[in-house]
Amino acid sequence: SNHFPMTNINKTMFLVNSGNDLVETEKNFYKIKENYPSWKGIVGRKPAFTEFISLLEKEVFLFMGHGTGSAHLRERDFYGNHIKCLMMLFGCSSAAMTMGRC
């Protein structure tokens, strides 16, 4: 039996190039996104906190930018927010392990 929940890739939200300085990353993302018209999100600007939280309300969250995305969401911001989406982090520090940080 499958112990992992199924994820609907069509219910993807994204934050891409929030620093507005990754032109090639943004171009490459649009090549992928054209195959998934249902994807919604923010490109080329930093979101407000409430906007960022709303990106985490669908089934999949995709981040492409600098670091891990933690500049937009601190650990304490997780408290009280029941985030259940699959997070796909594509950043220069997305695989870095740090203590007590998201």
PDB file of N, CA and C in Angstrom:
ATOM      1  N   SER A   1       0.841  -1.195   0.000  1.00  0.00           N
ATOM      2  CA  SER A   1       0.000   0.000   0.000  1.00  0.00           C
ATOM      3  C   SER A   1       0.877   1.248   0.000  1.00  0.00           C
ATOM      4  N   ASN A   2       0.330   2.328  -0.499  1.00  0.00           N
ATOM      5  CA  ASN A   2       1.047   3.597  -0.592  1.00  0.00           C
ATOM      6  C   ASN A   2       0.863   4.382   0.704  1.00  0.00           C
ATOM      7  N   HIS A   3       1.959   4.682   1.389  1.00  0.00           N
ATOM      8  CA  HIS A   3       1.904   5.411   2.654  1.00  0.00           C
ATOM      9  C   HIS A   3       2.091   6.910   2.462  1.00  0.00           C
ATOM     10  N   PHE A   4       2.288   7.335   1.240  1.00  0.00           N
ATOM     11  CA  PHE A   4       2.491   8.747   0.966  1.00  0.00           C
ATOM     12  C   PHE A   4       1.257   9.312   0.279  1.00  0.00           C
ATOM     13  N   PRO A   5       0.831  10.498   0.683  1.00  0.00           N
ATOM     14  CA  PRO A   5      -0.334  11.088   0.017  1.00  0.00           C
ATOM     15  C   PRO A   5      -0.002  11.456  -1.430  1.00  0.00           C
ATOM     16  N   MET A   6      -0.981  11.343  -2.279  1.00  0.00           N
ATOM     17  CA  MET A   6      -0.806  11.734  -3.672  1.00  0.00           C
ATOM     18  C   MET A   6      -0.845  13.254  -3.758  1.00  0.00           C
ATOM     19  N   THR A   7      -0.044  13.804  -4.647  1.00  0.00           N
ATOM     20  CA  THR A   7       0.032  15.243  -4.826  1.00  0.00           C
ATOM     21  C   THR A   7      -0.387  15.586  -6.246  1.00  0.00           C
ATOM     22  N   ASN A   8      -1.231  16.582  -6.360  1.00  0.00           N
ATOM     23  CA  ASN A   8      -1.689  17.041  -7.660  1.00  0.00           C
ATOM     24  C   ASN A   8      -0.793  18.180  -8.133  1.00  0.00           C
ATOM     25  N   ILE A   9       0.070  17.913  -9.108  1.00  0.00           N
ATOM     26  CA  ILE A   9       1.029  18.899  -9.608  1.00  0.00           C
ATOM     27  C   ILE A   9       0.336  20.120 -10.215  1.00  0.00           C
ATOM     28  N   ASN A  10      -0.929  19.972 -10.592  1.00  0.00           N
ATOM     29  CA  ASN A  10      -1.671  21.096 -11.157  1.00  0.00           C
ATOM     30  C   ASN A  10      -2.071  22.121 -10.103  1.00  0.00           C
ATOM     31  N   LYS A  11      -1.941  21.739  -8.836  1.00  0.00           N
ATOM     32  CA  LYS A  11      -2.239  22.660  -7.733  1.00  0.00           C
ATOM     33  C   LYS A  11      -0.938  23.201  -7.149  1.00  0.00           C
ATOM     34  N   THR A  12      -0.135  23.793  -8.018  1.00  0.00           N
ATOM     35  CA  THR A  12       1.180  24.318  -7.640  1.00  0.00           C
ATOM     36  C   THR A  12       1.145  25.839  -7.551  1.00  0.00           C
ATOM     37  N   MET A  13       1.761  26.349  -6.496  1.00  0.00           N
ATOM     38  CA  MET A  13       1.980  27.780  -6.326  1.00  0.00           C
ATOM     39  C   MET A  13       3.498  27.978  -6.365  1.00  0.00           C
ATOM     40  N   PHE A  14       3.940  29.154  -6.793  1.00  0.00           N
ATOM     41  CA  PHE A  14       5.380  29.353  -6.936  1.00  0.00           C
ATOM     42  C   PHE A  14       5.821  30.756  -6.545  1.00  0.00           C
ATOM     43  N   LEU A  15       7.097  30.830  -6.175  1.00  0.00           N
ATOM     44  CA  LEU A  15       7.802  32.092  -5.975  1.00  0.00           C
ATOM     45  C   LEU A  15       9.116  31.942  -6.723  1.00  0.00           C
ATOM     46  N   VAL A  16       9.278  32.745  -7.764  1.00  0.00           N
ATOM     47  CA  VAL A  16      10.445  32.647  -8.632  1.00  0.00           C
ATOM     48  C   VAL A  16      11.125  34.003  -8.727  1.00  0.00           C
ATOM     49  N   ASN A  17      12.440  34.012  -8.511  1.00  0.00           N
ATOM     50  CA  ASN A  17      13.259  35.202  -8.690  1.00  0.00           C
ATOM     51  C   ASN A  17      12.742  36.375  -7.862  1.00  0.00           C
ATOM     52  N   SER A  18      12.530  36.147  -6.582  1.00  0.00           N
ATOM     53  CA  SER A  18      11.986  37.201  -5.718  1.00  0.00           C
ATOM     54  C   SER A  18      12.946  38.367  -5.544  1.00  0.00           C
ATOM     55  N   GLY A  19      14.219  38.154  -5.848  1.00  0.00           N
ATOM     56  CA  GLY A  19      15.189  39.248  -5.791  1.00  0.00           C
ATOM     57  C   GLY A  19      15.270  40.026  -7.090  1.00  0.00           C
ATOM     58  N   ASN A  20      14.555  39.569  -8.098  1.00  0.00           N
ATOM     59  CA  ASN A  20      14.506  40.189  -9.420  1.00  0.00           C
ATOM     60  C   ASN A  20      15.898  40.363 -10.033  1.00  0.00           C
ATOM     61  N   ASP A  21      16.750  39.348  -9.856  1.00  0.00           N
ATOM     62  CA  ASP A  21      18.101  39.428 -10.406  1.00  0.00           C
ATOM     63  C   ASP A  21      18.568  38.109 -11.025  1.00  0.00           C
ATOM     64  N   LEU A  22      17.643  37.190 -11.258  1.00  0.00           N
ATOM     65  CA  LEU A  22      17.975  35.897 -11.851  1.00  0.00           C
ATOM     66  C   LEU A  22      17.233  35.751 -13.181  1.00  0.00           C
ATOM     67  N   VAL A  23      17.668  36.484 -14.155  1.00  0.00           N
ATOM     68  CA  VAL A  23      16.985  36.550 -15.444  1.00  0.00           C
ATOM     69  C   VAL A  23      16.917  35.183 -16.119  1.00  0.00           C
ATOM     70  N   GLU A  24      18.016  34.447 -16.134  1.00  0.00           N
ATOM     71  CA  GLU A  24      18.029  33.138 -16.793  1.00  0.00           C
ATOM     72  C   GLU A  24      17.143  32.133 -16.059  1.00  0.00           C
ATOM     73  N   THR A  25      17.154  32.171 -14.750  1.00  0.00           N
ATOM     74  CA  THR A  25      16.287  31.288 -13.967  1.00  0.00           C
ATOM     75  C   THR A  25      14.833  31.563 -14.319  1.00  0.00           C
ATOM     76  N   GLU A  26      14.492  32.823 -14.400  1.00  0.00           N
ATOM     77  CA  GLU A  26      13.120  33.207 -14.739  1.00  0.00           C
ATOM     78  C   GLU A  26      12.735  32.727 -16.143  1.00  0.00           C
ATOM     79  N   LYS A  27      13.627  32.894 -17.087  1.00  0.00           N
ATOM     80  CA  LYS A  27      13.368  32.424 -18.459  1.00  0.00           C
ATOM     81  C   LYS A  27      13.155  30.916 -18.489  1.00  0.00           C
ATOM     82  N   ASN A  28      14.008  30.181 -17.781  1.00  0.00           N
ATOM     83  CA  ASN A  28      13.883  28.720 -17.742  1.00  0.00           C
ATOM     84  C   ASN A  28      12.596  28.281 -17.061  1.00  0.00           C
ATOM     85  N   PHE A  29      12.197  29.004 -16.021  1.00  0.00           N
ATOM     86  CA  PHE A  29      10.950  28.680 -15.339  1.00  0.00           C
ATOM     87  C   PHE A  29       9.759  28.830 -16.291  1.00  0.00           C
ATOM     88  N   TYR A  30       9.721  29.901 -17.054  1.00  0.00           N
ATOM     89  CA  TYR A  30       8.598  30.118 -17.969  1.00  0.00           C
ATOM     90  C   TYR A  30       8.502  29.015 -19.023  1.00  0.00           C
ATOM     91  N   LYS A  31       9.640  28.436 -19.403  1.00  0.00           N
ATOM     92  CA  LYS A  31       9.615  27.304 -20.339  1.00  0.00           C
ATOM     93  C   LYS A  31       8.891  26.110 -19.724  1.00  0.00           C
ATOM     94  N   ILE A  32       9.073  25.904 -18.423  1.00  0.00           N
ATOM     95  CA  ILE A  32       8.397  24.811 -17.716  1.00  0.00           C
ATOM     96  C   ILE A  32       6.924  25.154 -17.499  1.00  0.00           C
ATOM     97  N   LYS A  33       6.667  26.382 -17.052  1.00  0.00           N
ATOM     98  CA  LYS A  33       5.310  26.779 -16.686  1.00  0.00           C
ATOM     99  C   LYS A  33       4.340  26.751 -17.863  1.00  0.00           C
ATOM    100  N   GLU A  34       4.823  26.965 -19.069  1.00  0.00           N
ATOM    101  CA  GLU A  34       3.900  26.968 -20.210  1.00  0.00           C
ATOM    102  C   GLU A  34       3.170  25.633 -20.361  1.00  0.00           C
ATOM    103  N   ASN A  35       3.727  24.574 -19.782  1.00  0.00           N
ATOM    104  CA  ASN A  35       3.072  23.264 -19.807  1.00  0.00           C
ATOM    105  C   ASN A  35       2.068  23.073 -18.659  1.00  0.00           C
ATOM    106  N   TYR A  36       2.040  24.018 -17.727  1.00  0.00           N
ATOM    107  CA  TYR A  36       1.175  23.920 -16.549  1.00  0.00           C
ATOM    108  C   TYR A  36       0.431  25.241 -16.342  1.00  0.00           C
ATOM    109  N   PRO A  37      -0.578  25.521 -17.161  1.00  0.00           N
ATOM    110  CA  PRO A  37      -1.273  26.805 -17.070  1.00  0.00           C
ATOM    111  C   PRO A  37      -2.009  27.030 -15.746  1.00  0.00           C
ATOM    112  N   SER A  38      -2.267  25.980 -14.992  1.00  0.00           N
ATOM    113  CA  SER A  38      -2.981  26.132 -13.721  1.00  0.00           C
ATOM    114  C   SER A  38      -2.076  26.644 -12.594  1.00  0.00           C
ATOM    115  N   TRP A  39      -0.756  26.588 -12.777  1.00  0.00           N
ATOM    116  CA  TRP A  39       0.161  27.070 -11.747  1.00  0.00           C
ATOM    117  C   TRP A  39      -0.032  28.570 -11.554  1.00  0.00           C
ATOM    118  N   LYS A  40       0.010  29.015 -10.289  1.00  0.00           N
ATOM    119  CA  LYS A  40      -0.150  30.428  -9.952  1.00  0.00           C
ATOM    120  C   LYS A  40       0.967  30.828  -9.001  1.00  0.00           C
ATOM    121  N   GLY A  41       1.345  32.123  -9.047  1.00  0.00           N
ATOM    122  CA  GLY A  41       2.365  32.569  -8.115  1.00  0.00           C
ATOM    123  C   GLY A  41       2.917  33.931  -8.429  1.00  0.00           C
ATOM    124  N   ILE A  42       4.125  34.161  -7.930  1.00  0.00           N
ATOM    125  CA  ILE A  42       4.781  35.465  -8.004  1.00  0.00           C
ATOM    126  C   ILE A  42       6.140  35.299  -8.662  1.00  0.00           C
ATOM    127  N   VAL A  43       6.435  36.187  -9.603  1.00  0.00           N
ATOM    128  CA  VAL A  43       7.727  36.189 -10.296  1.00  0.00           C
ATOM    129  C   VAL A  43       8.300  37.602 -10.259  1.00  0.00           C
ATOM    130  N   GLY A  44       9.582  37.696  -9.913  1.00  0.00           N
ATOM    131  CA  GLY A  44      10.309  38.951 -10.048  1.00  0.00           C
ATOM    132  C   GLY A  44      10.105  39.987  -8.973  1.00  0.00           C
ATOM    133  N   ARG A  45       9.521  39.608  -7.851  1.00  0.00           N
ATOM    134  CA  ARG A  45       9.372  40.556  -6.741  1.00  0.00           C
ATOM    135  C   ARG A  45       9.223  39.806  -5.422  1.00  0.00           C
ATOM    136  N   LYS A  46       9.540  40.500  -4.345  1.00  0.00           N
ATOM    137  CA  LYS A  46       9.402  39.920  -3.013  1.00  0.00           C
ATOM    138  C   LYS A  46       7.939  40.017  -2.582  1.00  0.00           C
ATOM    139  N   PRO A  47       7.359  38.917  -2.116  1.00  0.00           N
ATOM    140  CA  PRO A  47       5.960  38.959  -1.682  1.00  0.00           C
ATOM    141  C   PRO A  47       5.817  39.539  -0.279  1.00  0.00           C
ATOM    142  N   ALA A  48       4.655  40.092  -0.001  1.00  0.00           N
ATOM    143  CA  ALA A  48       4.310  40.447   1.378  1.00  0.00           C
ATOM    144  C   ALA A  48       4.145  39.151   2.156  1.00  0.00           C
ATOM    145  N   PHE A  49       4.241  39.211   3.467  1.00  0.00           N
ATOM    146  CA  PHE A  49       4.143  38.008   4.292  1.00  0.00           C
ATOM    147  C   PHE A  49       2.847  37.248   4.019  1.00  0.00           C
ATOM    148  N   THR A  50       1.724  37.947   3.973  1.00  0.00           N
ATOM    149  CA  THR A  50       0.445  37.275   3.747  1.00  0.00           C
ATOM    150  C   THR A  50       0.388  36.636   2.365  1.00  0.00           C
ATOM    151  N   GLU A  51       1.009  37.267   1.381  1.00  0.00           N
ATOM    152  CA  GLU A  51       1.077  36.672   0.043  1.00  0.00           C
ATOM    153  C   GLU A  51       1.875  35.379   0.075  1.00  0.00           C
ATOM    154  N   PHE A  52       2.993  35.420   0.801  1.00  0.00           N
ATOM    155  CA  PHE A  52       3.837  34.231   0.879  1.00  0.00           C
ATOM    156  C   PHE A  52       3.087  33.083   1.541  1.00  0.00           C
ATOM    157  N   ILE A  53       2.407  33.365   2.637  1.00  0.00           N
ATOM    158  CA  ILE A  53       1.629  32.323   3.325  1.00  0.00           C
ATOM    159  C   ILE A  53       0.585  31.742   2.382  1.00  0.00           C
ATOM    160  N   SER A  54      -0.048  32.580   1.565  1.00  0.00           N
ATOM    161  CA  SER A  54      -1.074  32.076   0.645  1.00  0.00           C
ATOM    162  C   SER A  54      -0.474  31.161  -0.424  1.00  0.00           C
ATOM    163  N   LEU A  55       0.811  31.332  -0.737  1.00  0.00           N
ATOM    164  CA  LEU A  55       1.466  30.443  -1.698  1.00  0.00           C
ATOM    165  C   LEU A  55       1.602  29.024  -1.153  1.00  0.00           C
ATOM    166  N   LEU A  56       1.532  28.885   0.150  1.00  0.00           N
ATOM    167  CA  LEU A  56       1.713  27.586   0.798  1.00  0.00           C
ATOM    168  C   LEU A  56       0.400  26.856   1.037  1.00  0.00           C
ATOM    169  N   GLU A  57      -0.706  27.386   0.526  1.00  0.00           N
ATOM    170  CA  GLU A  57      -2.025  26.811   0.800  1.00  0.00           C
ATOM    171  C   GLU A  57      -2.483  25.765  -0.210  1.00  0.00           C
ATOM    172  N   LYS A  58      -1.775  25.603  -1.307  1.00  0.00           N
ATOM    173  CA  LYS A  58      -2.136  24.572  -2.282  1.00  0.00           C
ATOM    174  C   LYS A  58      -1.350  23.298  -1.966  1.00  0.00           C
ATOM    175  N   GLU A  59      -1.256  22.391  -2.907  1.00  0.00           N
ATOM    176  CA  GLU A  59      -0.597  21.109  -2.637  1.00  0.00           C
ATOM    177  C   GLU A  59       0.912  21.139  -2.826  1.00  0.00           C
ATOM    178  N   VAL A  60       1.393  22.010  -3.740  1.00  0.00           N
ATOM    179  CA  VAL A  60       2.826  22.070  -4.037  1.00  0.00           C
ATOM    180  C   VAL A  60       3.274  23.523  -4.007  1.00  0.00           C
ATOM    181  N   PHE A  61       4.439  23.770  -3.399  1.00  0.00           N
ATOM    182  CA  PHE A  61       5.056  25.093  -3.430  1.00  0.00           C
ATOM    183  C   PHE A  61       6.425  24.954  -4.076  1.00  0.00           C
ATOM    184  N   LEU A  62       6.679  25.759  -5.083  1.00  0.00           N
ATOM    185  CA  LEU A  62       7.939  25.743  -5.822  1.00  0.00           C
ATOM    186  C   LEU A  62       8.657  27.061  -5.595  1.00  0.00           C
ATOM    187  N   PHE A  63       9.895  26.986  -5.093  1.00  0.00           N
ATOM    188  CA  PHE A  63      10.722  28.185  -4.892  1.00  0.00           C
ATOM    189  C   PHE A  63      11.944  28.081  -5.780  1.00  0.00           C
ATOM    190  N   MET A  64      12.183  29.126  -6.553  1.00  0.00           N
ATOM    191  CA  MET A  64      13.407  29.228  -7.351  1.00  0.00           C
ATOM    192  C   MET A  64      13.983  30.616  -7.112  1.00  0.00           C
ATOM    193  N   GLY A  65      15.103  30.665  -6.405  1.00  0.00           N
ATOM    194  CA  GLY A  65      15.708  31.951  -6.074  1.00  0.00           C
ATOM    195  C   GLY A  65      16.962  31.762  -5.257  1.00  0.00           C
ATOM    196  N   HIS A  66      17.374  32.841  -4.608  1.00  0.00           N
ATOM    197  CA  HIS A  66      18.577  32.788  -3.771  1.00  0.00           C
ATOM    198  C   HIS A  66      18.285  32.113  -2.441  1.00  0.00           C
ATOM    199  N   GLY A  67      19.253  31.382  -1.948  1.00  0.00           N
ATOM    200  CA  GLY A  67      19.150  30.780  -0.624  1.00  0.00           C
ATOM    201  C   GLY A  67      18.129  29.664  -0.567  1.00  0.00           C
ATOM    202  N   THR A  68      17.392  29.626   0.541  1.00  0.00           N
ATOM    203  CA  THR A  68      16.430  28.558   0.793  1.00  0.00           C
ATOM    204  C   THR A  68      14.992  29.033   0.753  1.00  0.00           C
ATOM    205  N   GLY A  69      14.795  30.317   0.609  1.00  0.00           N
ATOM    206  CA  GLY A  69      13.458  30.882   0.708  1.00  0.00           C
ATOM    207  C   GLY A  69      13.161  31.364   2.118  1.00  0.00           C
ATOM    208  N   SER A  70      14.078  31.119   3.059  1.00  0.00           N
ATOM    209  CA  SER A  70      13.837  31.488   4.454  1.00  0.00           C
ATOM    210  C   SER A  70      13.809  33.002   4.668  1.00  0.00           C
ATOM    211  N   ALA A  71      14.236  33.787   3.695  1.00  0.00           N
ATOM    212  CA  ALA A  71      14.131  35.240   3.812  1.00  0.00           C
ATOM    213  C   ALA A  71      12.666  35.675   3.832  1.00  0.00           C
ATOM    214  N   HIS A  72      11.792  34.815   3.332  1.00  0.00           N
ATOM    215  CA  HIS A  72      10.373  35.141   3.260  1.00  0.00           C
ATOM    216  C   HIS A  72       9.569  34.530   4.390  1.00  0.00           C
ATOM    217  N   LEU A  73      10.117  33.526   5.052  1.00  0.00           N
ATOM    218  CA  LEU A  73       9.388  32.841   6.108  1.00  0.00           C
ATOM    219  C   LEU A  73      10.369  32.379   7.175  1.00  0.00           C
ATOM    220  N   ARG A  74      10.232  32.959   8.354  1.00  0.00           N
ATOM    221  CA  ARG A  74      11.097  32.577   9.469  1.00  0.00           C
ATOM    222  C   ARG A  74      10.476  31.398  10.220  1.00  0.00           C
ATOM    223  N   GLU A  75      11.290  30.720  10.993  1.00  0.00           N
ATOM    224  CA  GLU A  75      10.826  29.543  11.724  1.00  0.00           C
ATOM    225  C   GLU A  75       9.621  29.865  12.594  1.00  0.00           C
ATOM    226  N   ARG A  76       9.649  30.993  13.288  1.00  0.00           N
ATOM    227  CA  ARG A  76       8.533  31.327  14.184  1.00  0.00           C
ATOM    228  C   ARG A  76       7.237  31.576  13.422  1.00  0.00           C
ATOM    229  N   ASP A  77       7.345  31.882  12.121  1.00  0.00           N
ATOM    230  CA  ASP A  77       6.148  32.101  11.316  1.00  0.00           C
ATOM    231  C   ASP A  77       5.385  30.812  11.054  1.00  0.00           C
ATOM    232  N   PHE A  78       6.038  29.672  11.234  1.00  0.00           N
ATOM    233  CA  PHE A  78       5.360  28.393  11.043  1.00  0.00           C
ATOM    234  C   PHE A  78       4.364  28.120  12.167  1.00  0.00           C
ATOM    235  N   TYR A  79       4.621  28.657  13.360  1.00  0.00           N
ATOM    236  CA  TYR A  79       3.738  28.399  14.495  1.00  0.00           C
ATOM    237  C   TYR A  79       2.361  28.985  14.214  1.00  0.00           C
ATOM    238  N   GLY A  80       1.347  28.153  14.338  1.00  0.00           N
ATOM    239  CA  GLY A  80      -0.016  28.586  14.090  1.00  0.00           C
ATOM    240  C   GLY A  80      -0.427  28.467  12.633  1.00  0.00           C
ATOM    241  N   ASN A  81       0.506  28.204  11.750  1.00  0.00           N
ATOM    242  CA  ASN A  81       0.202  28.007  10.335  1.00  0.00           C
ATOM    243  C   ASN A  81       0.411  26.538  10.008  1.00  0.00           C
ATOM    244  N   HIS A  82      -0.637  25.885   9.627  1.00  0.00           N
ATOM    245  CA  HIS A  82      -0.572  24.458   9.338  1.00  0.00           C
ATOM    246  C   HIS A  82      -0.234  24.270   7.865  1.00  0.00           C
ATOM    247  N   ILE A  83       1.039  24.217   7.598  1.00  0.00           N
ATOM    248  CA  ILE A  83       1.523  24.108   6.227  1.00  0.00           C
ATOM    249  C   ILE A  83       1.665  22.631   5.890  1.00  0.00           C
ATOM    250  N   LYS A  84       0.939  22.206   4.873  1.00  0.00           N
ATOM    251  CA  LYS A  84       0.928  20.794   4.507  1.00  0.00           C
ATOM    252  C   LYS A  84       1.373  20.554   3.078  1.00  0.00           C
ATOM    253  N   CYS A  85       1.827  21.578   2.389  1.00  0.00           N
ATOM    254  CA  CYS A  85       2.187  21.412   0.984  1.00  0.00           C
ATOM    255  C   CYS A  85       3.565  20.770   0.833  1.00  0.00           C
ATOM    256  N   LEU A  86       3.752  20.167  -0.305  1.00  0.00           N
ATOM    257  CA  LEU A  86       5.059  19.666  -0.692  1.00  0.00           C
ATOM    258  C   LEU A  86       5.878  20.872  -1.126  1.00  0.00           C
ATOM    259  N   MET A  87       7.049  21.074  -0.527  1.00  0.00           N
ATOM    260  CA  MET A  87       7.898  22.216  -0.877  1.00  0.00           C
ATOM    261  C   MET A  87       9.042  21.751  -1.751  1.00  0.00           C
ATOM    262  N   MET A  88       9.172  22.382  -2.895  1.00  0.00           N
ATOM    263  CA  MET A  88      10.272  22.104  -3.809  1.00  0.00           C
ATOM    264  C   MET A  88      11.131  23.361  -3.842  1.00  0.00           C
ATOM    265  N   LEU A  89      12.324  23.276  -3.244  1.00  0.00           N
ATOM    266  CA  LEU A  89      13.203  24.434  -3.103  1.00  0.00           C
ATOM    267  C   LEU A  89      14.384  24.314  -4.037  1.00  0.00           C
ATOM    268  N   PHE A  90      14.507  25.257  -4.939  1.00  0.00           N
ATOM    269  CA  PHE A  90      15.618  25.289  -5.879  1.00  0.00           C
ATOM    270  C   PHE A  90      16.348  26.601  -5.689  1.00  0.00           C
ATOM    271  N   GLY A  91      17.330  26.600  -4.814  1.00  0.00           N
ATOM    272  CA  GLY A  91      18.115  27.793  -4.528  1.00  0.00           C
ATOM    273  C   GLY A  91      19.536  27.379  -4.212  1.00  0.00           C
ATOM    274  N   CYS A  92      20.434  28.332  -4.156  1.00  0.00           N
ATOM    275  CA  CYS A  92      21.834  28.015  -3.956  1.00  0.00           C
ATOM    276  C   CYS A  92      22.098  27.383  -2.596  1.00  0.00           C
ATOM    277  N   SER A  93      21.186  27.562  -1.625  1.00  0.00           N
ATOM    278  CA  SER A  93      21.366  26.959  -0.303  1.00  0.00           C
ATOM    279  C   SER A  93      20.203  26.048   0.072  1.00  0.00           C
ATOM    280  N   SER A  94      19.450  25.593  -0.904  1.00  0.00           N
ATOM    281  CA  SER A  94      18.245  24.824  -0.601  1.00  0.00           C
ATOM    282  C   SER A  94      18.525  23.480   0.046  1.00  0.00           C
ATOM    283  N   ALA A  95      19.706  22.951  -0.102  1.00  0.00           N
ATOM    284  CA  ALA A  95      20.046  21.665   0.504  1.00  0.00           C
ATOM    285  C   ALA A  95      20.943  21.829   1.721  1.00  0.00           C
ATOM    286  N   ALA A  96      21.233  23.066   2.119  1.00  0.00           N
ATOM    287  CA  ALA A  96      22.099  23.302   3.279  1.00  0.00           C
ATOM    288  C   ALA A  96      21.366  22.969   4.564  1.00  0.00           C
ATOM    289  N   MET A  97      22.031  22.279   5.459  1.00  0.00           N
ATOM    290  CA  MET A  97      21.460  21.920   6.742  1.00  0.00           C
ATOM    291  C   MET A  97      21.883  22.964   7.770  1.00  0.00           C
ATOM    292  N   THR A  98      20.909  23.508   8.482  1.00  0.00           N
ATOM    293  CA  THR A  98      21.203  24.459   9.550  1.00  0.00           C
ATOM    294  C   THR A  98      20.357  24.091  10.755  1.00  0.00           C
ATOM    295  N   MET A  99      20.837  24.384  11.926  1.00  0.00           N
ATOM    296  CA  MET A  99      20.112  24.067  13.159  1.00  0.00           C
ATOM    297  C   MET A  99      19.026  25.098  13.417  1.00  0.00           C
ATOM    298  N   GLY A 100      17.821  24.627  13.674  1.00  0.00           N
ATOM    299  CA  GLY A 100      16.740  25.490  14.100  1.00  0.00           C
ATOM    300  C   GLY A 100      16.269  26.469  13.058  1.00  0.00           C
ATOM    301  N   ARG A 101      16.522  26.177  11.815  1.00  0.00           N
ATOM    302  CA  ARG A 101      16.116  27.105  10.742  1.00  0.00           C
ATOM    303  C   ARG A 101      15.310  26.325   9.710  1.00  0.00           C
ATOM    304  N   CYS A 102      14.437  27.028   9.025  1.00  0.00           N
ATOM    305  CA  CYS A 102      13.713  26.372   7.933  1.00  0.00           C
ATOM    306  C   CYS A 102      14.359  26.729   6.626  1.00  0.00           C
TER     307      CYS A 102
END
